[in-house]
């Protein structure tokens, strides 16, 4: 017998939904487990292979401030998936957050961000761009009070930061490592 969710109750329903699931384990043990539920997400690392730079964002993160006193993190453009197609969502997030129009996307994976607590699955992409593709203002949506600072960073700097453990956002670190693994010539 596999574990079975016998039922759930909603504790909060807002931007995220918080549930308690009543689970029966294979040995008959009954457990209560919390679940944070807000759906799929996307993240993309836009990089310019000619100029050897990448676009990242910095913005206020209340959980990081609460947990560690860290006001902001360096991150790849990312957000919740509103579209049916994750590639469309990645392109939308890149335009909203860093003002770049992306063409081809290189899929890395669709993975669980925090499977012990969250239902979030995140589609991760690498995406080349050129200087002419930066056509929007970036900075995020005013209606969402994102107040995003856009950073165009040298790939050698990102490599050094990843080597020193200075990239603390896991999706960003994974995408920097993926770019280094799949396109090592950009870092030579």
N, C-alpha and C. Protein backbone atom coordinates (compact mmCIF):
# COMPACT_ATOMS: atom_id res chain seq x y z
N UNK A 1 0.85 -1.18 0.00
CA UNK A 1 0.00 0.00 0.00
C UNK A 1 0.89 1.24 0.00
N UNK A 2 0.57 2.20 -0.83
CA UNK A 2 1.29 3.48 -0.90
C UNK A 2 0.68 4.46 0.10
N UNK A 3 1.42 5.51 0.46
CA UNK A 3 0.81 6.54 1.31
C UNK A 3 -0.43 7.12 0.62
N UNK A 4 -1.43 7.48 1.43
CA UNK A 4 -2.69 8.01 0.90
C UNK A 4 -3.02 9.31 1.62
N UNK A 5 -3.36 10.34 0.84
CA UNK A 5 -3.87 11.57 1.44
C UNK A 5 -5.37 11.39 1.61
N UNK A 6 -5.82 11.35 2.86
CA UNK A 6 -7.24 11.12 3.18
C UNK A 6 -8.07 12.38 3.09
N UNK A 7 -7.43 13.52 3.18
CA UNK A 7 -8.16 14.78 3.11
C UNK A 7 -7.23 15.94 3.40
N UNK A 8 -7.70 17.13 3.11
CA UNK A 8 -6.95 18.35 3.40
C UNK A 8 -7.88 19.39 3.98
N UNK A 9 -7.31 20.30 4.73
CA UNK A 9 -8.06 21.47 5.18
C UNK A 9 -7.23 22.70 4.90
N UNK A 10 -7.86 23.76 4.46
CA UNK A 10 -7.19 25.00 4.10
C UNK A 10 -7.01 25.86 5.34
N UNK A 11 -5.77 26.29 5.59
CA UNK A 11 -5.47 27.19 6.70
C UNK A 11 -5.49 28.64 6.24
N UNK A 12 -5.06 28.88 5.00
CA UNK A 12 -5.01 30.24 4.43
C UNK A 12 -5.12 30.12 2.92
N UNK A 13 -5.85 31.04 2.31
CA UNK A 13 -5.98 31.05 0.85
C UNK A 13 -5.78 32.47 0.37
N UNK A 14 -4.56 32.76 -0.13
CA UNK A 14 -4.20 34.08 -0.64
C UNK A 14 -3.32 33.90 -1.86
N UNK A 15 -2.19 34.64 -1.91
CA UNK A 15 -1.24 34.47 -3.01
C UNK A 15 -0.78 33.01 -3.04
N UNK A 16 -0.54 32.47 -1.87
CA UNK A 16 -0.29 31.03 -1.71
C UNK A 16 -1.43 30.47 -0.88
N UNK A 17 -1.61 29.18 -1.01
CA UNK A 17 -2.60 28.49 -0.20
C UNK A 17 -1.83 27.57 0.75
N UNK A 18 -2.23 27.57 2.01
CA UNK A 18 -1.58 26.71 3.00
C UNK A 18 -2.59 25.69 3.49
N UNK A 19 -2.21 24.42 3.40
CA UNK A 19 -3.09 23.31 3.72
C UNK A 19 -2.46 22.43 4.79
N UNK A 20 -3.29 21.65 5.43
CA UNK A 20 -2.82 20.53 6.23
C UNK A 20 -3.42 19.28 5.60
N UNK A 21 -2.54 18.36 5.24
CA UNK A 21 -2.98 17.11 4.63
C UNK A 21 -2.99 16.02 5.70
N UNK A 22 -4.05 15.24 5.73
CA UNK A 22 -4.15 14.08 6.62
C UNK A 22 -3.69 12.87 5.80
N UNK A 23 -2.56 12.29 6.19
CA UNK A 23 -1.91 11.23 5.42
C UNK A 23 -1.93 9.92 6.21
N UNK A 24 -2.23 8.83 5.51
CA UNK A 24 -2.09 7.50 6.09
C UNK A 24 -0.91 6.84 5.40
N UNK A 25 0.07 6.42 6.20
CA UNK A 25 1.28 5.80 5.68
C UNK A 25 1.03 4.30 5.44
N UNK A 26 1.94 3.64 4.69
CA UNK A 26 1.75 2.23 4.39
C UNK A 26 1.57 1.33 5.61
N UNK A 27 2.18 1.70 6.74
CA UNK A 27 2.04 0.88 7.95
C UNK A 27 0.80 1.23 8.76
N UNK A 28 -0.05 2.15 8.24
CA UNK A 28 -1.27 2.54 8.92
C UNK A 28 -1.14 3.78 9.79
N UNK A 29 0.08 4.28 9.99
CA UNK A 29 0.30 5.48 10.79
C UNK A 29 -0.38 6.67 10.13
N UNK A 30 -1.07 7.47 10.94
CA UNK A 30 -1.72 8.68 10.43
C UNK A 30 -0.89 9.90 10.80
N UNK A 31 -0.66 10.76 9.83
CA UNK A 31 0.16 11.96 10.00
C UNK A 31 -0.57 13.18 9.49
N UNK A 32 -0.22 14.34 10.04
CA UNK A 32 -0.67 15.62 9.50
C UNK A 32 0.56 16.32 8.93
N UNK A 33 0.48 16.77 7.69
CA UNK A 33 1.61 17.43 7.03
C UNK A 33 1.14 18.73 6.38
N UNK A 34 1.91 19.82 6.61
CA UNK A 34 1.60 21.11 6.02
C UNK A 34 2.06 21.15 4.57
N UNK A 35 1.29 21.85 3.74
CA UNK A 35 1.61 22.01 2.32
C UNK A 35 1.39 23.47 1.94
N UNK A 36 2.40 24.05 1.28
CA UNK A 36 2.26 25.38 0.68
C UNK A 36 1.98 25.15 -0.79
N UNK A 37 0.91 25.74 -1.32
CA UNK A 37 0.47 25.46 -2.68
C UNK A 37 0.25 26.76 -3.45
N UNK A 38 1.05 26.98 -4.49
CA UNK A 38 0.80 28.12 -5.37
C UNK A 38 1.05 27.82 -6.83
N UNK A 39 1.33 26.58 -7.16
CA UNK A 39 1.42 26.20 -8.56
C UNK A 39 2.82 26.24 -9.14
N UNK A 40 2.89 26.13 -10.46
CA UNK A 40 4.15 26.06 -11.20
C UNK A 40 4.82 27.42 -11.28
N UNK A 41 6.14 27.38 -11.52
CA UNK A 41 6.93 28.60 -11.67
C UNK A 41 7.95 28.38 -12.77
N UNK A 42 8.56 29.48 -13.19
CA UNK A 42 9.61 29.44 -14.22
C UNK A 42 10.78 30.30 -13.77
N UNK A 43 11.96 29.97 -14.27
CA UNK A 43 13.16 30.78 -14.05
C UNK A 43 14.04 30.65 -15.29
N UNK A 44 14.70 31.76 -15.63
CA UNK A 44 15.53 31.77 -16.84
C UNK A 44 16.79 32.60 -16.59
N UNK A 45 17.92 32.11 -17.10
CA UNK A 45 19.16 32.87 -17.06
C UNK A 45 19.45 33.38 -18.47
N UNK A 46 19.13 34.67 -18.73
CA UNK A 46 19.47 35.26 -20.02
C UNK A 46 20.97 35.59 -20.05
N UNK A 47 21.65 35.17 -21.11
CA UNK A 47 23.08 35.45 -21.24
C UNK A 47 23.41 35.87 -22.66
N UNK A 48 24.34 36.79 -22.79
CA UNK A 48 24.79 37.26 -24.10
C UNK A 48 26.10 36.55 -24.41
N UNK A 49 26.09 35.61 -25.37
CA UNK A 49 27.29 34.83 -25.66
C UNK A 49 28.40 35.64 -26.34
N UNK A 50 28.06 36.78 -26.93
CA UNK A 50 29.07 37.61 -27.60
C UNK A 50 29.79 38.49 -26.58
N UNK A 51 29.03 39.20 -25.78
CA UNK A 51 29.63 40.09 -24.77
C UNK A 51 29.97 39.36 -23.48
N UNK A 52 29.54 38.10 -23.36
CA UNK A 52 29.80 37.26 -22.18
C UNK A 52 29.34 37.92 -20.88
N UNK A 53 28.04 38.25 -20.90
CA UNK A 53 27.38 38.82 -19.73
C UNK A 53 26.06 38.09 -19.52
N UNK A 54 25.47 38.26 -18.36
CA UNK A 54 24.15 37.68 -18.05
C UNK A 54 23.33 38.73 -17.32
N UNK A 55 22.01 38.59 -17.42
CA UNK A 55 21.08 39.50 -16.75
C UNK A 55 20.52 38.85 -15.50
N UNK A 56 20.66 39.53 -14.38
CA UNK A 56 20.11 39.07 -13.11
C UNK A 56 19.33 40.20 -12.46
N UNK A 57 18.57 39.85 -11.44
CA UNK A 57 17.76 40.83 -10.73
C UNK A 57 18.11 40.82 -9.25
N UNK A 58 17.80 41.93 -8.63
CA UNK A 58 17.93 42.05 -7.17
C UNK A 58 16.66 42.72 -6.68
N UNK A 59 16.05 42.14 -5.65
CA UNK A 59 14.85 42.72 -5.10
C UNK A 59 14.66 42.31 -3.65
N UNK A 60 13.85 43.09 -2.95
CA UNK A 60 13.55 42.83 -1.55
C UNK A 60 12.83 41.50 -1.41
N UNK A 61 13.28 40.67 -0.45
CA UNK A 61 12.68 39.37 -0.19
C UNK A 61 12.35 39.28 1.30
N UNK A 62 11.06 39.48 1.68
CA UNK A 62 10.70 39.43 3.11
C UNK A 62 11.12 38.16 3.82
N UNK A 63 10.98 36.94 3.23
CA UNK A 63 11.42 35.75 3.96
C UNK A 63 12.92 35.75 4.27
N UNK A 64 13.75 36.24 3.34
CA UNK A 64 15.19 36.30 3.58
C UNK A 64 15.51 37.30 4.68
N UNK A 65 14.78 38.40 4.72
CA UNK A 65 14.97 39.38 5.79
C UNK A 65 14.57 38.78 7.13
N UNK A 66 13.43 38.11 7.15
CA UNK A 66 12.93 37.48 8.38
C UNK A 66 13.88 36.40 8.90
N UNK A 67 14.34 35.53 8.01
CA UNK A 67 15.13 34.38 8.42
C UNK A 67 16.60 34.70 8.68
N UNK A 68 17.16 35.65 7.91
CA UNK A 68 18.61 35.86 7.99
C UNK A 68 19.04 37.31 8.02
N UNK A 69 18.08 38.24 8.03
CA UNK A 69 18.45 39.65 8.01
C UNK A 69 18.95 40.12 6.66
N UNK A 70 18.74 39.32 5.62
CA UNK A 70 19.17 39.64 4.26
C UNK A 70 18.03 40.34 3.53
N UNK A 71 18.26 41.57 3.09
CA UNK A 71 17.18 42.34 2.46
C UNK A 71 16.90 41.92 1.03
N UNK A 72 17.94 41.55 0.27
CA UNK A 72 17.74 41.22 -1.14
C UNK A 72 18.71 40.13 -1.54
N UNK A 73 18.38 39.49 -2.65
CA UNK A 73 19.21 38.43 -3.21
C UNK A 73 19.46 38.71 -4.68
N UNK A 74 20.58 38.23 -5.19
CA UNK A 74 20.85 38.24 -6.62
C UNK A 74 20.21 36.99 -7.19
N UNK A 75 19.32 37.18 -8.17
CA UNK A 75 18.54 36.06 -8.70
C UNK A 75 18.39 36.16 -10.22
N UNK A 76 18.05 35.04 -10.83
CA UNK A 76 17.65 35.03 -12.23
C UNK A 76 16.20 35.51 -12.29
N UNK A 77 15.76 36.03 -13.45
CA UNK A 77 14.34 36.38 -13.59
C UNK A 77 13.49 35.12 -13.39
N UNK A 78 12.43 35.26 -12.59
CA UNK A 78 11.60 34.10 -12.26
C UNK A 78 10.25 34.57 -11.78
N UNK A 79 9.29 33.66 -11.80
CA UNK A 79 7.97 33.98 -11.28
C UNK A 79 7.00 32.84 -11.49
N UNK A 80 5.81 33.06 -11.00
CA UNK A 80 4.76 32.06 -11.15
C UNK A 80 4.34 31.95 -12.60
N UNK A 81 3.97 30.76 -12.99
CA UNK A 81 3.56 30.48 -14.36
C UNK A 81 2.08 30.77 -14.51
N UNK A 82 1.78 31.78 -15.31
CA UNK A 82 0.39 32.13 -15.62
C UNK A 82 -0.08 31.46 -16.90
N UNK A 83 0.86 31.12 -17.77
CA UNK A 83 0.57 30.57 -19.08
C UNK A 83 0.57 29.04 -19.03
N UNK A 84 0.02 28.44 -20.09
CA UNK A 84 0.06 26.98 -20.20
C UNK A 84 1.46 26.50 -20.59
N UNK A 85 2.19 27.33 -21.36
CA UNK A 85 3.51 26.97 -21.87
C UNK A 85 4.60 27.61 -21.00
N UNK A 86 5.42 26.80 -20.34
CA UNK A 86 6.49 27.36 -19.51
C UNK A 86 7.45 28.28 -20.27
N UNK A 87 7.70 27.99 -21.55
CA UNK A 87 8.59 28.87 -22.33
C UNK A 87 8.00 30.27 -22.45
N UNK A 88 6.68 30.35 -22.68
CA UNK A 88 6.02 31.66 -22.74
C UNK A 88 6.16 32.39 -21.41
N UNK A 89 6.02 31.66 -20.30
CA UNK A 89 6.16 32.25 -18.98
C UNK A 89 7.57 32.77 -18.74
N UNK A 90 8.57 32.01 -19.16
CA UNK A 90 9.96 32.44 -19.00
C UNK A 90 10.23 33.70 -19.81
N UNK A 91 9.71 33.75 -21.04
CA UNK A 91 9.88 34.95 -21.87
C UNK A 91 9.19 36.16 -21.24
N UNK A 92 7.99 35.95 -20.70
CA UNK A 92 7.25 37.05 -20.06
C UNK A 92 8.02 37.58 -18.85
N UNK A 93 8.49 36.67 -17.99
CA UNK A 93 9.23 37.09 -16.80
C UNK A 93 10.51 37.84 -17.18
N UNK A 94 11.23 37.35 -18.19
CA UNK A 94 12.46 38.02 -18.61
C UNK A 94 12.16 39.44 -19.10
N UNK A 95 11.07 39.60 -19.85
CA UNK A 95 10.74 40.95 -20.35
C UNK A 95 10.32 41.87 -19.21
N UNK A 96 9.45 41.36 -18.32
CA UNK A 96 8.98 42.19 -17.20
C UNK A 96 10.13 42.57 -16.28
N UNK A 97 11.00 41.62 -15.97
CA UNK A 97 12.00 41.85 -14.93
C UNK A 97 13.30 42.47 -15.42
N UNK A 98 13.78 42.09 -16.62
CA UNK A 98 15.05 42.63 -17.09
C UNK A 98 14.95 43.32 -18.45
N UNK A 99 13.75 43.38 -19.03
CA UNK A 99 13.53 44.13 -20.27
C UNK A 99 14.15 43.52 -21.50
N UNK A 100 14.30 42.19 -21.52
CA UNK A 100 14.89 41.54 -22.68
C UNK A 100 13.87 40.62 -23.35
N UNK A 101 13.86 40.66 -24.68
CA UNK A 101 13.02 39.75 -25.46
C UNK A 101 13.87 38.54 -25.82
N UNK A 102 13.39 37.37 -25.41
CA UNK A 102 14.14 36.14 -25.63
C UNK A 102 13.58 35.36 -26.80
N UNK A 103 14.46 34.73 -27.54
CA UNK A 103 14.06 33.84 -28.62
C UNK A 103 14.12 32.40 -28.13
N UNK A 104 15.13 31.69 -28.61
CA UNK A 104 15.30 30.27 -28.26
C UNK A 104 15.63 30.11 -26.78
N UNK A 105 15.01 29.09 -26.18
CA UNK A 105 15.29 28.76 -24.79
C UNK A 105 15.88 27.35 -24.74
N UNK A 106 16.82 27.16 -23.85
CA UNK A 106 17.43 25.86 -23.64
C UNK A 106 16.90 25.32 -22.31
N UNK A 107 16.10 24.29 -22.39
CA UNK A 107 15.48 23.71 -21.19
C UNK A 107 16.52 22.96 -20.36
N UNK A 108 16.52 23.23 -19.07
CA UNK A 108 17.41 22.52 -18.15
C UNK A 108 16.64 21.40 -17.46
N UNK A 109 15.53 21.74 -16.80
CA UNK A 109 14.71 20.73 -16.13
C UNK A 109 13.42 21.38 -15.65
N UNK A 110 12.53 20.54 -15.19
CA UNK A 110 11.38 20.97 -14.39
C UNK A 110 11.56 20.25 -13.06
N UNK A 111 11.88 20.99 -12.02
CA UNK A 111 12.19 20.37 -10.75
C UNK A 111 11.38 20.93 -9.60
N UNK A 112 11.39 20.19 -8.51
CA UNK A 112 10.72 20.61 -7.28
C UNK A 112 11.61 21.59 -6.54
N UNK A 113 11.07 22.74 -6.15
CA UNK A 113 11.90 23.72 -5.45
C UNK A 113 12.07 23.36 -3.97
N UNK A 114 11.03 22.93 -3.32
CA UNK A 114 11.08 22.54 -1.89
C UNK A 114 10.05 21.43 -1.65
N UNK A 115 10.34 20.19 -2.09
CA UNK A 115 9.34 19.13 -2.06
C UNK A 115 8.87 18.72 -0.67
N UNK A 116 9.58 19.10 0.35
CA UNK A 116 9.16 18.76 1.70
C UNK A 116 8.02 19.62 2.22
N UNK A 117 7.76 20.77 1.56
CA UNK A 117 6.71 21.67 2.04
C UNK A 117 5.85 22.24 0.91
N UNK A 118 6.40 22.37 -0.30
CA UNK A 118 5.71 23.11 -1.36
C UNK A 118 5.35 22.24 -2.56
N UNK A 119 4.24 22.60 -3.23
CA UNK A 119 3.84 21.94 -4.46
C UNK A 119 4.55 22.53 -5.68
N UNK A 120 5.35 23.59 -5.48
CA UNK A 120 5.96 24.29 -6.60
C UNK A 120 6.92 23.42 -7.39
N UNK A 121 6.65 23.34 -8.69
CA UNK A 121 7.59 22.78 -9.66
C UNK A 121 8.05 23.95 -10.50
N UNK A 122 9.36 24.02 -10.75
CA UNK A 122 9.92 25.16 -11.48
C UNK A 122 10.59 24.68 -12.76
N UNK A 123 10.17 25.28 -13.89
CA UNK A 123 10.80 25.03 -15.17
C UNK A 123 11.99 25.98 -15.29
N UNK A 124 13.18 25.43 -15.55
CA UNK A 124 14.41 26.20 -15.59
C UNK A 124 14.98 26.22 -17.00
N UNK A 125 15.40 27.42 -17.43
CA UNK A 125 15.89 27.61 -18.80
C UNK A 125 17.15 28.47 -18.82
N UNK A 126 17.97 28.24 -19.84
CA UNK A 126 19.03 29.16 -20.25
C UNK A 126 18.55 29.82 -21.53
N UNK A 127 18.94 31.08 -21.76
CA UNK A 127 18.47 31.76 -22.97
C UNK A 127 19.49 32.78 -23.46
N UNK A 128 20.03 32.55 -24.66
CA UNK A 128 20.93 33.56 -25.22
C UNK A 128 20.14 34.80 -25.66
N UNK A 129 20.79 35.93 -25.58
CA UNK A 129 20.21 37.18 -26.09
C UNK A 129 21.34 38.03 -26.65
N UNK A 130 20.98 39.04 -27.40
CA UNK A 130 21.95 40.00 -27.92
C UNK A 130 21.62 41.39 -27.40
N UNK A 131 22.55 42.30 -27.55
CA UNK A 131 22.36 43.67 -27.05
C UNK A 131 21.08 44.29 -27.61
N UNK A 132 20.73 43.99 -28.87
CA UNK A 132 19.53 44.55 -29.49
C UNK A 132 18.23 43.99 -28.91
N UNK A 133 18.30 42.89 -28.17
CA UNK A 133 17.11 42.28 -27.58
C UNK A 133 16.65 42.98 -26.31
N UNK A 134 17.47 43.88 -25.78
CA UNK A 134 17.08 44.62 -24.58
C UNK A 134 16.24 45.81 -25.00
N UNK A 135 14.93 45.62 -25.05
CA UNK A 135 14.04 46.65 -25.58
C UNK A 135 13.07 47.22 -24.56
N UNK A 136 12.99 46.63 -23.38
CA UNK A 136 12.04 47.10 -22.37
C UNK A 136 12.76 47.69 -21.17
N UNK A 137 12.01 48.32 -20.30
CA UNK A 137 12.63 48.95 -19.13
C UNK A 137 13.05 47.96 -18.05
N UNK A 138 12.38 46.80 -17.98
CA UNK A 138 12.66 45.87 -16.89
C UNK A 138 12.21 46.48 -15.56
N UNK A 139 12.66 45.91 -14.48
CA UNK A 139 12.32 46.43 -13.17
C UNK A 139 11.09 45.83 -12.53
N UNK A 140 10.39 44.95 -13.23
CA UNK A 140 9.21 44.32 -12.65
C UNK A 140 7.96 45.15 -12.84
N UNK A 141 6.87 44.66 -12.28
CA UNK A 141 5.58 45.31 -12.42
C UNK A 141 5.31 46.24 -11.24
N UNK A 142 4.95 47.48 -11.55
CA UNK A 142 4.61 48.43 -10.49
C UNK A 142 3.46 47.93 -9.63
N UNK A 143 2.47 47.30 -10.28
CA UNK A 143 1.29 46.81 -9.55
C UNK A 143 1.67 45.77 -8.50
N UNK A 144 2.79 45.07 -8.70
CA UNK A 144 3.23 44.05 -7.75
C UNK A 144 4.31 44.56 -6.80
N UNK A 145 4.65 45.86 -6.93
CA UNK A 145 5.65 46.50 -6.05
C UNK A 145 6.96 45.72 -6.02
N UNK A 146 7.39 45.26 -7.19
CA UNK A 146 8.59 44.43 -7.24
C UNK A 146 9.87 45.24 -7.04
N UNK A 147 9.92 46.47 -7.58
CA UNK A 147 11.09 47.33 -7.39
C UNK A 147 12.40 46.60 -7.66
N UNK A 148 12.49 46.02 -8.83
CA UNK A 148 13.63 45.18 -9.21
C UNK A 148 14.77 46.05 -9.73
N UNK A 149 15.98 45.74 -9.27
CA UNK A 149 17.20 46.33 -9.80
C UNK A 149 17.78 45.32 -10.77
N UNK A 150 18.06 45.75 -12.00
CA UNK A 150 18.60 44.88 -13.03
C UNK A 150 20.13 44.97 -13.02
N UNK A 151 20.79 43.82 -13.05
CA UNK A 151 22.25 43.75 -13.11
C UNK A 151 22.66 42.99 -14.36
N UNK A 152 23.46 43.62 -15.22
CA UNK A 152 24.09 42.91 -16.33
C UNK A 152 25.51 42.61 -15.86
N UNK A 153 25.80 41.33 -15.64
CA UNK A 153 27.04 40.93 -15.00
C UNK A 153 27.91 40.10 -15.94
N UNK A 154 29.20 40.33 -15.84
CA UNK A 154 30.18 39.57 -16.59
C UNK A 154 30.13 38.10 -16.17
N UNK A 155 30.19 37.18 -17.14
CA UNK A 155 30.13 35.75 -16.83
C UNK A 155 31.31 35.31 -15.96
N UNK A 156 32.48 35.91 -16.14
CA UNK A 156 33.62 35.56 -15.29
C UNK A 156 33.34 35.93 -13.83
N UNK A 157 32.64 37.03 -13.62
CA UNK A 157 32.26 37.43 -12.26
C UNK A 157 31.28 36.43 -11.68
N UNK A 158 30.30 35.98 -12.47
CA UNK A 158 29.35 34.98 -11.98
C UNK A 158 30.05 33.66 -11.65
N UNK A 159 31.00 33.28 -12.49
CA UNK A 159 31.77 32.06 -12.20
C UNK A 159 32.50 32.20 -10.87
N UNK A 160 33.17 33.32 -10.65
CA UNK A 160 33.91 33.53 -9.41
C UNK A 160 32.96 33.57 -8.21
N UNK A 161 31.83 34.23 -8.36
CA UNK A 161 30.85 34.28 -7.27
C UNK A 161 30.33 32.88 -6.93
N UNK A 162 30.07 32.07 -7.97
CA UNK A 162 29.59 30.70 -7.70
C UNK A 162 30.67 29.87 -7.03
N UNK A 163 31.92 30.06 -7.43
CA UNK A 163 33.03 29.33 -6.82
C UNK A 163 33.22 29.72 -5.35
N UNK A 164 32.96 30.98 -5.03
CA UNK A 164 33.14 31.46 -3.65
C UNK A 164 31.91 31.24 -2.77
N UNK A 165 30.83 30.69 -3.33
CA UNK A 165 29.61 30.47 -2.55
C UNK A 165 28.82 31.74 -2.30
N UNK A 166 28.98 32.74 -3.15
CA UNK A 166 28.31 34.02 -2.96
C UNK A 166 26.94 34.10 -3.63
N UNK A 167 26.60 33.13 -4.45
CA UNK A 167 25.25 33.08 -5.05
C UNK A 167 24.44 32.18 -4.14
N UNK A 168 23.53 32.78 -3.38
CA UNK A 168 22.82 32.02 -2.35
C UNK A 168 21.41 31.62 -2.76
N UNK A 169 20.92 32.10 -3.88
CA UNK A 169 19.63 31.66 -4.40
C UNK A 169 19.86 30.38 -5.20
N UNK A 170 19.22 29.30 -4.80
CA UNK A 170 19.52 27.98 -5.37
C UNK A 170 19.18 27.88 -6.86
N UNK A 171 18.05 28.43 -7.30
CA UNK A 171 17.71 28.34 -8.72
C UNK A 171 18.74 29.09 -9.57
N UNK A 172 19.23 30.20 -9.04
CA UNK A 172 20.24 30.98 -9.75
C UNK A 172 21.56 30.21 -9.80
N UNK A 173 21.96 29.64 -8.69
CA UNK A 173 23.20 28.87 -8.65
C UNK A 173 23.12 27.68 -9.61
N UNK A 174 21.99 26.98 -9.62
CA UNK A 174 21.82 25.85 -10.51
C UNK A 174 21.94 26.28 -11.97
N UNK A 175 21.33 27.42 -12.33
CA UNK A 175 21.39 27.87 -13.72
C UNK A 175 22.78 28.38 -14.09
N UNK A 176 23.50 28.99 -13.18
CA UNK A 176 24.89 29.39 -13.46
C UNK A 176 25.74 28.14 -13.68
N UNK A 177 25.58 27.13 -12.83
CA UNK A 177 26.31 25.88 -13.02
C UNK A 177 25.92 25.21 -14.35
N UNK A 178 24.64 25.23 -14.70
CA UNK A 178 24.21 24.64 -15.96
C UNK A 178 24.84 25.35 -17.15
N UNK A 179 24.91 26.68 -17.09
CA UNK A 179 25.55 27.44 -18.17
C UNK A 179 27.03 27.09 -18.24
N UNK A 180 27.68 26.98 -17.10
CA UNK A 180 29.10 26.61 -17.08
C UNK A 180 29.32 25.22 -17.64
N UNK A 181 28.44 24.28 -17.33
CA UNK A 181 28.58 22.91 -17.80
C UNK A 181 28.26 22.76 -19.28
N UNK A 182 27.20 23.40 -19.72
CA UNK A 182 26.76 23.23 -21.11
C UNK A 182 27.51 24.13 -22.11
N UNK A 183 28.01 25.24 -21.60
CA UNK A 183 28.71 26.21 -22.49
C UNK A 183 30.01 26.68 -21.86
N UNK A 184 30.94 25.77 -21.59
CA UNK A 184 32.18 26.14 -20.90
C UNK A 184 33.02 27.15 -21.67
N UNK A 185 32.88 27.18 -23.00
CA UNK A 185 33.65 28.12 -23.83
C UNK A 185 33.34 29.58 -23.47
N UNK A 186 32.17 29.85 -22.91
CA UNK A 186 31.81 31.22 -22.54
C UNK A 186 32.60 31.72 -21.34
N UNK A 187 33.22 30.81 -20.62
CA UNK A 187 33.94 31.15 -19.39
C UNK A 187 35.46 31.08 -19.56
N UNK A 188 35.93 30.76 -20.79
CA UNK A 188 37.39 30.65 -20.98
C UNK A 188 37.99 31.97 -21.38
